[in-house]
Amino acid sequence: GIQIWASNPAIIWTAIRPEEAGIHVHLFKIHEGMPLSDDTYGEVIIDDIKLDTDMVRCYMVQRSFSFLSKFIVSLTCPNCQCEHFDTGDNAFQPHKIHECENCRFIFEDKTRFKGVVSNPIVERLQRLTDIRTALNYD
């Protein structure tokens, strides 16, 4: 199995060693016991799927708000087909109208909800789960 989370900068850092930043990864061969790998990486790519640090960090905060968790989706701009990543206030307030950060196209999400927040990590994690399930990984 895999566990991932973004390492966030400390408010106060007193250790002699430098603070690590990036995505912390635990890799397990079995469901119990110690991880085979336990480290922080600046870039993480698993099965050709890149896990962006900012998206993982934002997703961790988004998931911590119970009112928001079911409204986190992955949207794609209908104009340029780029992934849409809501940032700032839009990352935490569901909304129906979105602006593509790539082409500036304004679009309405087609979900059944009155509003959502978009984080591409949702779709990337789902693809990673689907691949690992298809290959019968634990």
Protein backbone atom coordinates (compact mmCIF):
# COMPACT_ATOMS: atom_id res chain seq x y z
CA GLY A 1 0.00 0.00 0.00
CA ILE A 2 0.86 3.65 -0.22
CA GLN A 3 0.39 6.53 2.20
CA ILE A 4 1.09 10.08 1.04
CA TRP A 5 0.80 13.51 2.55
CA ALA A 6 2.35 16.90 1.96
CA SER A 7 4.91 18.06 4.46
CA ASN A 8 4.12 21.59 5.52
CA PRO A 9 6.67 24.14 6.69
CA ALA A 10 6.78 24.48 10.45
CA ILE A 11 5.81 27.73 12.16
CA ILE A 12 8.96 27.40 14.25
CA TRP A 13 11.88 25.16 13.22
CA THR A 14 14.58 24.55 15.84
CA ALA A 15 16.19 21.34 14.58
CA ILE A 16 19.79 21.46 13.38
CA ARG A 17 18.96 19.56 10.20
CA PRO A 18 17.18 21.38 7.34
CA GLU A 19 13.42 21.17 7.19
CA GLU A 20 12.07 18.85 4.48
CA ALA A 21 9.45 20.07 2.04
CA GLY A 22 7.47 18.10 -0.51
CA ILE A 23 5.38 14.94 -0.38
CA HIS A 24 6.02 12.38 2.32
CA VAL A 25 5.59 8.80 1.12
CA HIS A 26 5.25 5.50 2.95
CA LEU A 27 5.39 2.37 0.80
CA PHE A 28 4.26 -0.93 2.32
CA LYS A 29 4.68 -4.48 1.07
CA ILE A 30 2.01 -5.76 3.46
CA HIS A 31 -0.87 -4.06 5.29
CA GLU A 32 0.84 -4.22 8.66
CA GLY A 33 4.23 -3.37 9.98
CA MET A 34 6.83 -0.79 9.08
CA PRO A 35 6.96 0.85 5.65
CA LEU A 36 9.59 -0.27 3.15
CA SER A 37 10.12 3.36 2.24
CA ASP A 38 9.64 6.36 4.51
CA ASP A 39 10.90 9.60 2.96
CA THR A 40 9.97 13.06 1.70
CA TYR A 41 10.38 13.86 -2.00
CA GLY A 42 10.28 17.10 -3.95
CA GLU A 43 8.60 15.33 -6.86
CA VAL A 44 6.49 12.16 -6.73
CA ILE A 45 5.45 10.19 -9.82
CA ILE A 46 3.76 6.82 -9.31
CA ASP A 47 2.74 4.73 -12.32
CA ASP A 48 3.27 7.81 -14.56
CA ILE A 49 0.88 9.89 -12.42
CA LYS A 50 2.46 13.05 -11.01
CA LEU A 51 1.38 14.05 -7.52
CA ASP A 52 1.72 17.83 -7.27
CA THR A 53 2.79 19.09 -3.83
CA ASP A 54 0.46 22.10 -3.85
CA MET A 55 -2.51 19.96 -4.87
CA VAL A 56 -1.77 17.36 -2.17
CA ARG A 57 -1.27 20.08 0.47
CA CYS A 58 -4.52 21.82 -0.52
CA TYR A 59 -6.42 18.51 -0.63
CA MET A 60 -5.31 17.69 2.92
CA VAL A 61 -6.82 20.96 4.15
CA GLN A 62 -9.93 20.60 1.98
CA ARG A 63 -10.60 17.11 3.36
CA SER A 64 -10.29 18.38 6.94
CA PHE A 65 -13.48 20.45 6.50
CA SER A 66 -16.46 18.12 6.85
CA PHE A 67 -18.78 20.56 5.04
CA LEU A 68 -16.50 20.56 1.97
CA SER A 69 -15.29 16.99 1.45
CA LYS A 70 -18.15 15.80 -0.80
CA PHE A 71 -17.82 18.90 -3.01
CA ILE A 72 -14.17 18.37 -4.00
CA VAL A 73 -13.99 17.26 -7.65
CA SER A 74 -11.63 17.37 -10.61
CA LEU A 75 -12.82 19.67 -13.37
CA THR A 76 -11.36 20.14 -16.84
CA CYS A 77 -11.73 23.37 -18.77
CA PRO A 78 -14.18 22.72 -21.63
CA ASN A 79 -12.31 25.23 -23.79
CA CYS A 80 -8.65 24.14 -23.56
CA GLN A 81 -9.02 20.74 -21.81
CA CYS A 82 -6.55 21.72 -19.05
CA GLU A 83 -7.06 20.54 -15.49
CA HIS A 84 -8.67 23.21 -13.34
CA PHE A 85 -7.20 23.84 -9.86
CA ASP A 86 -9.12 26.18 -7.58
CA THR A 87 -6.80 28.18 -5.34
CA GLY A 88 -7.19 30.89 -2.72
CA ASP A 89 -10.72 31.40 -1.40
CA ASN A 90 -12.14 29.36 -4.30
CA ALA A 91 -10.33 26.28 -2.96
CA PHE A 92 -12.54 26.32 0.14
CA GLN A 93 -15.85 27.83 -1.00
CA PRO A 94 -17.95 25.73 -3.36
CA HIS A 95 -18.91 27.75 -6.44
CA LYS A 96 -20.64 27.04 -9.74
CA ILE A 97 -18.73 29.40 -12.07
CA HIS A 98 -15.01 28.70 -12.63
CA GLU A 99 -12.25 30.52 -14.52
CA CYS A 100 -9.56 28.47 -16.25
CA GLU A 101 -6.12 29.56 -15.09
CA ASN A 102 -4.66 28.52 -18.46
CA CYS A 103 -6.93 30.20 -21.05
CA ARG A 104 -9.11 32.41 -18.77
CA PHE A 105 -12.30 30.77 -20.12
CA ILE A 106 -15.27 31.16 -17.75
CA PHE A 107 -17.30 27.98 -17.39
CA GLU A 108 -20.02 26.45 -15.24
CA ASP A 109 -19.43 23.05 -13.71
CA LYS A 110 -21.88 20.36 -14.83
CA THR A 111 -22.23 18.71 -11.41
CA ARG A 112 -25.55 18.23 -9.64
CA PHE A 113 -24.31 20.40 -6.77
CA LYS A 114 -24.91 24.14 -6.30
CA GLY A 115 -21.14 24.54 -6.32
CA VAL A 116 -17.89 22.60 -6.06
CA VAL A 117 -14.18 23.18 -5.65
CA SER A 118 -11.83 21.68 -8.20
CA ASN A 119 -8.58 19.94 -7.32
CA PRO A 120 -7.01 17.73 -10.01
CA ILE A 121 -5.47 15.51 -7.33
CA VAL A 122 -8.89 13.86 -6.86
CA GLU A 123 -8.81 12.44 -10.40
CA ARG A 124 -5.10 11.59 -10.20
CA LEU A 125 -5.57 9.63 -6.97
CA GLN A 126 -8.56 7.83 -8.49
CA ARG A 127 -6.48 6.85 -11.55
CA LEU A 128 -3.72 5.61 -9.27
CA THR A 129 -6.23 3.56 -7.28
CA ASP A 130 -7.76 2.15 -10.49
CA ILE A 131 -4.34 1.14 -11.84
CA ARG A 132 -3.28 -0.50 -8.60
CA THR A 133 -6.63 -2.34 -8.38
CA ALA A 134 -6.39 -3.55 -11.99
CA LEU A 135 -2.85 -4.81 -11.37
CA ASN A 136 -4.04 -6.44 -8.14
CA TYR A 137 -1.66 -4.45 -5.91
CA ASP A 138 -2.43 -4.17 -2.23
